[in-house]
Amino acid sequence: EIEALLTDPSTKMFRQVAAACTLWMCFTQSYSFMNHSSHMAVQLSNPSIMMKARMRTGETIMIDDFREAYWWLRDNTPEDSRVMSWWE
């Protein structure tokens, strides 16, 4: 009974369509992941202490939190200080 169901032409067609859809989804997701990875690699390969961001209103702003933190350290710690940081 199961063998007859598996060899039925409509079941075969359904399995072929399901396989084609699965392959197409795998291809499109792979392409999307590759594209995303390439963009991230470009962004991460040029480290900077200032970053550009866009507000919801469309306004472009510069985020310079790191630079401000360095200025605070310069102005509020002795010249021979050692700073420990934890980067995760």
N, C-alpha and C. Protein backbone atom coordinates (compact mmCIF):
# COMPACT_ATOMS: atom_id res chain seq x y z
N GLU A 1 0.82 -1.19 0.00
CA GLU A 1 0.00 0.00 0.00
C GLU A 1 0.88 1.26 0.00
N ILE A 2 1.90 1.32 0.83
CA ILE A 2 2.78 2.49 0.86
C ILE A 2 3.58 2.57 -0.43
N GLU A 3 4.03 1.41 -0.93
CA GLU A 3 4.79 1.41 -2.18
C GLU A 3 3.94 1.92 -3.34
N ALA A 4 2.68 1.57 -3.35
CA ALA A 4 1.78 2.05 -4.40
C ALA A 4 1.59 3.56 -4.28
N LEU A 5 1.53 4.05 -3.05
CA LEU A 5 1.37 5.49 -2.84
C LEU A 5 2.62 6.24 -3.32
N LEU A 6 3.81 5.69 -3.06
CA LEU A 6 5.05 6.35 -3.45
C LEU A 6 5.27 6.35 -4.95
N THR A 7 4.72 5.36 -5.65
CA THR A 7 4.91 5.29 -7.10
C THR A 7 3.77 5.93 -7.88
N ASP A 8 2.79 6.44 -7.17
CA ASP A 8 1.66 7.13 -7.81
C ASP A 8 2.18 8.38 -8.54
N PRO A 9 1.77 8.62 -9.79
CA PRO A 9 2.27 9.78 -10.55
C PRO A 9 2.03 11.13 -9.87
N SER A 10 0.90 11.32 -9.22
CA SER A 10 0.64 12.60 -8.56
C SER A 10 1.56 12.78 -7.35
N THR A 11 1.87 11.71 -6.65
CA THR A 11 2.80 11.79 -5.52
C THR A 11 4.20 12.10 -6.01
N LYS A 12 4.59 11.48 -7.12
CA LYS A 12 5.91 11.76 -7.69
C LYS A 12 6.02 13.24 -8.08
N MET A 13 4.98 13.76 -8.71
CA MET A 13 4.99 15.15 -9.14
C MET A 13 5.09 16.07 -7.92
N PHE A 14 4.32 15.77 -6.88
CA PHE A 14 4.37 16.57 -5.66
C PHE A 14 5.78 16.55 -5.06
N ARG A 15 6.42 15.39 -5.01
CA ARG A 15 7.76 15.27 -4.46
C ARG A 15 8.77 16.06 -5.31
N GLN A 16 8.60 16.05 -6.61
CA GLN A 16 9.52 16.79 -7.48
C GLN A 16 9.35 18.30 -7.30
N VAL A 17 8.11 18.75 -7.18
CA VAL A 17 7.85 20.18 -6.96
C VAL A 17 8.39 20.60 -5.59
N ALA A 18 8.18 19.76 -4.58
CA ALA A 18 8.69 20.07 -3.23
C ALA A 18 10.21 20.13 -3.24
N ALA A 19 10.85 19.22 -3.96
CA ALA A 19 12.32 19.23 -4.05
C ALA A 19 12.81 20.48 -4.78
N ALA A 20 12.14 20.86 -5.85
CA ALA A 20 12.53 22.06 -6.60
C ALA A 20 12.36 23.30 -5.73
N CYS A 21 11.28 23.40 -4.99
CA CYS A 21 11.05 24.55 -4.10
C CYS A 21 12.12 24.59 -3.00
N THR A 22 12.45 23.44 -2.46
CA THR A 22 13.48 23.38 -1.42
C THR A 22 14.83 23.83 -1.96
N LEU A 23 15.19 23.36 -3.14
CA LEU A 23 16.45 23.78 -3.75
C LEU A 23 16.46 25.28 -4.04
N TRP A 24 15.36 25.81 -4.53
CA TRP A 24 15.28 27.24 -4.83
C TRP A 24 15.42 28.06 -3.55
N MET A 25 14.76 27.65 -2.48
CA MET A 25 14.88 28.36 -1.21
C MET A 25 16.31 28.31 -0.68
N CYS A 26 16.95 27.16 -0.78
CA CYS A 26 18.35 27.04 -0.33
C CYS A 26 19.25 27.96 -1.15
N PHE A 27 19.04 28.02 -2.45
CA PHE A 27 19.85 28.88 -3.30
C PHE A 27 19.66 30.35 -2.94
N THR A 28 18.42 30.79 -2.79
CA THR A 28 18.17 32.20 -2.50
C THR A 28 18.69 32.58 -1.12
N GLN A 29 18.54 31.70 -0.14
CA GLN A 29 19.05 31.99 1.19
C GLN A 29 20.57 32.01 1.21
N SER A 30 21.20 31.14 0.44
CA SER A 30 22.66 31.13 0.35
C SER A 30 23.16 32.43 -0.27
N TYR A 31 22.50 32.87 -1.31
CA TYR A 31 22.88 34.12 -1.97
C TYR A 31 22.71 35.31 -1.01
N SER A 32 21.60 35.31 -0.28
CA SER A 32 21.34 36.39 0.67
C SER A 32 22.41 36.40 1.77
N PHE A 33 22.77 35.23 2.28
CA PHE A 33 23.79 35.14 3.33
C PHE A 33 25.14 35.60 2.79
N MET A 34 25.49 35.20 1.58
CA MET A 34 26.76 35.60 0.98
C MET A 34 26.81 37.12 0.80
N ASN A 35 25.73 37.69 0.33
CA ASN A 35 25.65 39.14 0.14
C ASN A 35 25.80 39.88 1.47
N HIS A 36 25.09 39.42 2.49
CA HIS A 36 25.16 40.03 3.81
C HIS A 36 26.58 39.91 4.38
N SER A 37 27.20 38.74 4.23
CA SER A 37 28.55 38.54 4.74
C SER A 37 29.55 39.45 4.05
N SER A 38 29.41 39.63 2.76
CA SER A 38 30.31 40.52 2.03
C SER A 38 30.18 41.96 2.51
N HIS A 39 28.96 42.42 2.71
CA HIS A 39 28.76 43.79 3.20
C HIS A 39 29.32 43.96 4.61
N MET A 40 29.12 42.98 5.47
CA MET A 40 29.65 43.07 6.83
C MET A 40 31.17 43.06 6.83
N ALA A 41 31.78 42.27 5.96
CA ALA A 41 33.24 42.23 5.88
C ALA A 41 33.81 43.58 5.49
N VAL A 42 33.16 44.25 4.56
CA VAL A 42 33.62 45.58 4.14
C VAL A 42 33.48 46.57 5.29
N GLN A 43 32.36 46.52 5.98
CA GLN A 43 32.14 47.46 7.08
C GLN A 43 33.10 47.23 8.24
N LEU A 44 33.39 45.96 8.53
CA LEU A 44 34.24 45.66 9.68
C LEU A 44 35.73 45.76 9.36
N SER A 45 36.10 45.85 8.09
CA SER A 45 37.52 45.89 7.75
C SER A 45 38.11 47.28 7.87
N ASN A 46 37.29 48.28 8.05
CA ASN A 46 37.77 49.66 8.23
C ASN A 46 37.32 50.17 9.60
N PRO A 47 38.00 49.77 10.66
CA PRO A 47 37.55 50.21 11.99
C PRO A 47 37.71 51.72 12.15
N SER A 48 36.81 52.29 12.89
CA SER A 48 36.82 53.73 13.10
C SER A 48 36.25 54.04 14.48
N ILE A 49 36.69 55.14 15.07
CA ILE A 49 36.12 55.52 16.36
C ILE A 49 34.90 56.41 16.19
N MET A 50 34.65 56.82 14.96
CA MET A 50 33.45 57.61 14.66
C MET A 50 32.62 56.85 13.63
N MET A 51 31.32 56.78 13.89
CA MET A 51 30.44 56.05 12.99
C MET A 51 29.30 56.95 12.52
N LYS A 52 28.86 56.71 11.33
CA LYS A 52 27.75 57.46 10.76
C LYS A 52 26.47 56.65 10.98
N ALA A 53 25.41 57.32 11.36
CA ALA A 53 24.11 56.65 11.57
C ALA A 53 23.02 57.52 10.97
N ARG A 54 21.88 56.91 10.74
CA ARG A 54 20.74 57.63 10.18
C ARG A 54 19.57 57.53 11.16
N MET A 55 19.01 58.67 11.46
CA MET A 55 17.85 58.74 12.36
C MET A 55 16.60 58.29 11.60
N ARG A 56 15.53 58.05 12.33
CA ARG A 56 14.27 57.66 11.69
C ARG A 56 13.72 58.75 10.79
N THR A 57 14.09 59.97 11.07
CA THR A 57 13.64 61.10 10.26
C THR A 57 14.43 61.22 8.96
N GLY A 58 15.51 60.45 8.83
CA GLY A 58 16.35 60.51 7.65
C GLY A 58 17.60 61.35 7.86
N GLU A 59 17.67 62.03 8.99
CA GLU A 59 18.83 62.88 9.30
C GLU A 59 20.06 62.00 9.56
N THR A 60 21.20 62.38 9.00
CA THR A 60 22.45 61.66 9.22
C THR A 60 23.19 62.29 10.39
N ILE A 61 23.64 61.45 11.32
CA ILE A 61 24.37 61.95 12.49
C ILE A 61 25.69 61.19 12.60
N MET A 62 26.64 61.80 13.31
CA MET A 62 27.91 61.15 13.60
C MET A 62 27.91 60.72 15.06
N ILE A 63 28.23 59.47 15.30
CA ILE A 63 28.33 58.95 16.66
C ILE A 63 29.81 58.92 17.01
N ASP A 64 30.19 59.72 17.99
CA ASP A 64 31.60 59.77 18.37
C ASP A 64 31.78 59.49 19.87
N ASP A 65 31.06 58.48 20.37
CA ASP A 65 31.13 58.12 21.78
C ASP A 65 32.54 57.73 22.20
N PHE A 66 33.24 56.98 21.35
CA PHE A 66 34.59 56.55 21.70
C PHE A 66 35.51 57.76 21.85
N ARG A 67 35.42 58.68 20.92
CA ARG A 67 36.28 59.86 20.95
C ARG A 67 35.99 60.69 22.20
N GLU A 68 34.72 60.83 22.54
CA GLU A 68 34.37 61.57 23.75
C GLU A 68 34.88 60.86 25.00
N ALA A 69 34.85 59.53 24.99
CA ALA A 69 35.38 58.77 26.12
C ALA A 69 36.88 58.97 26.24
N TYR A 70 37.60 59.01 25.13
CA TYR A 70 39.04 59.25 25.17
C TYR A 70 39.34 60.66 25.70
N TRP A 71 38.54 61.63 25.30
CA TRP A 71 38.73 62.99 25.80
C TRP A 71 38.50 63.03 27.32
N TRP A 72 37.46 62.32 27.78
CA TRP A 72 37.17 62.29 29.22
C TRP A 72 38.35 61.68 29.96
N LEU A 73 38.89 60.58 29.44
CA LEU A 73 40.05 59.95 30.08
C LEU A 73 41.23 60.91 30.12
N ARG A 74 41.47 61.60 29.02
CA ARG A 74 42.58 62.54 28.95
C ARG A 74 42.42 63.66 29.98
N ASP A 75 41.19 64.16 30.12
CA ASP A 75 40.96 65.31 30.99
C ASP A 75 40.79 64.94 32.46
N ASN A 76 40.43 63.70 32.78
CA ASN A 76 40.08 63.33 34.15
C ASN A 76 40.95 62.26 34.78
N THR A 77 42.03 61.90 34.16
CA THR A 77 42.94 60.92 34.76
C THR A 77 44.37 61.47 34.70
N PRO A 78 45.21 61.04 35.63
CA PRO A 78 46.61 61.48 35.58
C PRO A 78 47.29 60.99 34.30
N GLU A 79 48.32 61.72 33.89
CA GLU A 79 49.00 61.42 32.63
C GLU A 79 49.62 60.02 32.60
N ASP A 80 50.09 59.53 33.76
CA ASP A 80 50.75 58.22 33.78
C ASP A 80 49.78 57.09 34.15
N SER A 81 48.49 57.31 34.00
CA SER A 81 47.49 56.29 34.34
C SER A 81 47.51 55.14 33.36
N ARG A 82 47.08 53.99 33.85
CA ARG A 82 46.88 52.81 33.01
C ARG A 82 45.39 52.52 32.99
N VAL A 83 44.87 52.21 31.85
CA VAL A 83 43.44 51.95 31.71
C VAL A 83 43.24 50.51 31.31
N MET A 84 42.39 49.82 32.04
CA MET A 84 42.04 48.44 31.69
C MET A 84 40.65 48.46 31.06
N SER A 85 40.47 47.67 30.05
CA SER A 85 39.14 47.60 29.42
C SER A 85 38.80 46.15 29.12
N TRP A 86 37.53 45.90 29.03
CA TRP A 86 37.05 44.55 28.75
C TRP A 86 36.25 44.63 27.47
N TRP A 87 36.72 43.97 26.42
CA TRP A 87 36.03 43.98 25.13
C TRP A 87 35.40 42.64 24.91
N GLU A 88 34.12 42.61 24.75
CA GLU A 88 33.43 41.34 24.48
C GLU A 88 32.82 41.35 23.13
